[in-house]
C-alpha atoms as a PDB file:
ATOM      1  CA  MET A   1     -27.262  -2.495  -7.109  1.00  0.00           C
ATOM      2  CA  ALA A   2     -25.836   1.055  -6.001  1.00  0.00           C
ATOM      3  CA  ARG A   3     -23.043   2.681  -7.988  1.00  0.00           C
ATOM      4  CA  SER A   4     -21.139   2.932  -4.947  1.00  0.00           C
ATOM      5  CA  GLN A   5     -21.461  -0.672  -4.176  1.00  0.00           C
ATOM      6  CA  THR A   6     -20.458  -1.425  -7.760  1.00  0.00           C
ATOM      7  CA  ARG A   7     -17.391   0.952  -7.493  1.00  0.00           C
ATOM      8  CA  GLY A   8     -16.345  -0.769  -3.843  1.00  0.00           C
ATOM      9  CA  ARG A   9     -16.586  -4.342  -5.556  1.00  0.00           C
ATOM     10  CA  ASN A  10     -14.332  -3.045  -8.394  1.00  0.00           C
ATOM     11  CA  ARG A  11     -11.739  -1.984  -6.116  1.00  0.00           C
ATOM     12  CA  LYS A  12     -12.049  -4.991  -4.006  1.00  0.00           C
ATOM     13  CA  THR A  13     -11.664  -7.150  -7.114  1.00  0.00           C
ATOM     14  CA  MET A  14      -8.421  -4.880  -8.498  1.00  0.00           C
ATOM     15  CA  THR A  15      -6.784  -5.431  -5.027  1.00  0.00           C
ATOM     16  CA  TYR A  16      -7.092  -8.913  -5.303  1.00  0.00           C
ATOM     17  CA  VAL A  17      -5.880  -9.123  -9.184  1.00  0.00           C
ATOM     18  CA  TRP A  18      -2.800  -6.891  -7.899  1.00  0.00           C
ATOM     19  CA  ILE A  19      -2.333  -9.321  -5.032  1.00  0.00           C
ATOM     20  CA  ALA A  20      -2.492 -12.252  -7.024  1.00  0.00           C
ATOM     21  CA  ALA A  21      -0.578 -10.828 -10.132  1.00  0.00           C
ATOM     22  CA  LEU A  22       2.641 -10.101  -7.723  1.00  0.00           C
ATOM     23  CA  ALA A  23       2.191 -13.180  -5.625  1.00  0.00           C
ATOM     24  CA  ILE A  24       2.900 -15.120  -8.963  1.00  0.00           C
ATOM     25  CA  LEU A  25       5.665 -12.748 -10.013  1.00  0.00           C
ATOM     26  CA  THR A  26       7.276 -13.863  -6.527  1.00  0.00           C
ATOM     27  CA  ILE A  27       6.778 -17.213  -7.063  1.00  0.00           C
ATOM     28  CA  PHE A  28       8.257 -17.251 -10.421  1.00  0.00           C
ATOM     29  CA  LEU A  29      11.312 -15.084  -9.388  1.00  0.00           C
ATOM     30  CA  ILE A  30      12.421 -17.625  -6.898  1.00  0.00           C
ATOM     31  CA  TYR A  31      11.708 -20.690  -9.116  1.00  0.00           C
ATOM     32  CA  LYS A  32      13.849 -19.254 -11.832  1.00  0.00           C
ATOM     33  CA  GLU A  33      16.242 -18.344  -9.010  1.00  0.00           C
ATOM     34  CA  LEU A  34      16.212 -14.879  -9.654  1.00  0.00           C
ATOM     35  CA  THR A  35      16.802 -13.499  -6.138  1.00  0.00           C
ATOM     36  CA  ALA A  36      18.865 -10.380  -7.320  1.00  0.00           C
ATOM     37  CA  VAL A  37      16.042  -9.425  -9.443  1.00  0.00           C
ATOM     38  CA  LEU A  38      13.589  -9.956  -6.147  1.00  0.00           C
ATOM     39  CA  TYR A  39      15.939  -8.385  -3.883  1.00  0.00           C
ATOM     40  CA  ILE A  40      16.056  -5.153  -6.141  1.00  0.00           C
ATOM     41  CA  LEU A  41      12.111  -5.101  -6.407  1.00  0.00           C
ATOM     42  CA  ALA A  42      11.678  -5.531  -2.680  1.00  0.00           C
ATOM     43  CA  THR A  43      14.438  -2.891  -2.212  1.00  0.00           C
ATOM     44  CA  LEU A  44      12.191  -0.530  -4.385  1.00  0.00           C
ATOM     45  CA  GLY A  45       8.952  -1.350  -3.025  1.00  0.00           C
ATOM     46  CA  VAL A  46      10.016  -0.537   0.670  1.00  0.00           C
ATOM     47  CA  THR A  47      11.715   2.615  -0.598  1.00  0.00           C
ATOM     48  CA  ALA A  48       8.202   3.642  -2.430  1.00  0.00           C
ATOM     49  CA  ILE A  49       6.151   2.679   0.953  1.00  0.00           C
ATOM     50  CA  LEU A  50       8.958   5.018   3.176  1.00  0.00           C
ATOM     51  CA  LEU A  51       8.217   8.033   0.430  1.00  0.00           C
ATOM     52  CA  VAL A  52       4.690   7.659   1.128  1.00  0.00           C
ATOM     53  CA  VAL A  53       4.598   8.039   4.414  1.00  0.00           C
ATOM     54  CA  ALA A  54       7.384  10.701   4.392  1.00  0.00           C
ATOM     55  CA  LEU A  55       5.226  12.795   2.235  1.00  0.00           C
ATOM     56  CA  ALA A  56       1.755  11.856   4.147  1.00  0.00           C
ATOM     57  CA  ASP A  57       0.042  15.299   4.996  1.00  0.00           C
ATOM     58  CA  LEU A  58      -0.497  14.802   8.810  1.00  0.00           C
ATOM     59  CA  SER A  59      -1.453  18.142   9.959  1.00  0.00           C
ATOM     60  CA  PRO A  60      -5.171  17.246  10.000  1.00  0.00           C
ATOM     61  CA  GLY A  61      -4.258  15.066  12.831  1.00  0.00           C
ATOM     62  CA  ASP A  62      -2.415  17.847  14.530  1.00  0.00           C
ATOM     63  CA  ARG A  63      -5.512  19.942  14.143  1.00  0.00           C
ATOM     64  CA  ALA A  64      -7.766  17.209  15.677  1.00  0.00           C
ATOM     65  CA  SER A  65      -5.784  16.575  18.795  1.00  0.00           C
ATOM     66  CA  SER A  66      -5.543  20.649  19.540  1.00  0.00           C
ATOM     67  CA  ASP A  67      -9.228  20.596  19.707  1.00  0.00           C
ATOM     68  CA  SER A  68      -9.049  18.927  23.457  1.00  0.00           C
ATOM     69  CA  PRO A  69      -8.021  21.268  26.243  1.00  0.00           C
ATOM     70  CA  PRO A  70      -4.171  20.538  27.271  1.00  0.00           C
ATOM     71  CA  ALA A  71      -3.884  18.192  30.389  1.00  0.00           C
ATOM     72  CA  ASN A  72      -2.634  19.649  33.749  1.00  0.00           C
END
């Protein structure tokens, strides 16, 4: 098996582990009726996603679109 295939399989496995862990944590917090903690974690998660999007480097996309001639 090639090294890149092993690395890809490893990433998929880790992704599934993260998904399972977060699902278990969410179910546990709902079961224990700790919705306040769940609310705080959800707010922090959305904030992190918004920061990633805000800091994303979108300049390569601008260069690709400027290659085409302008429309009349």
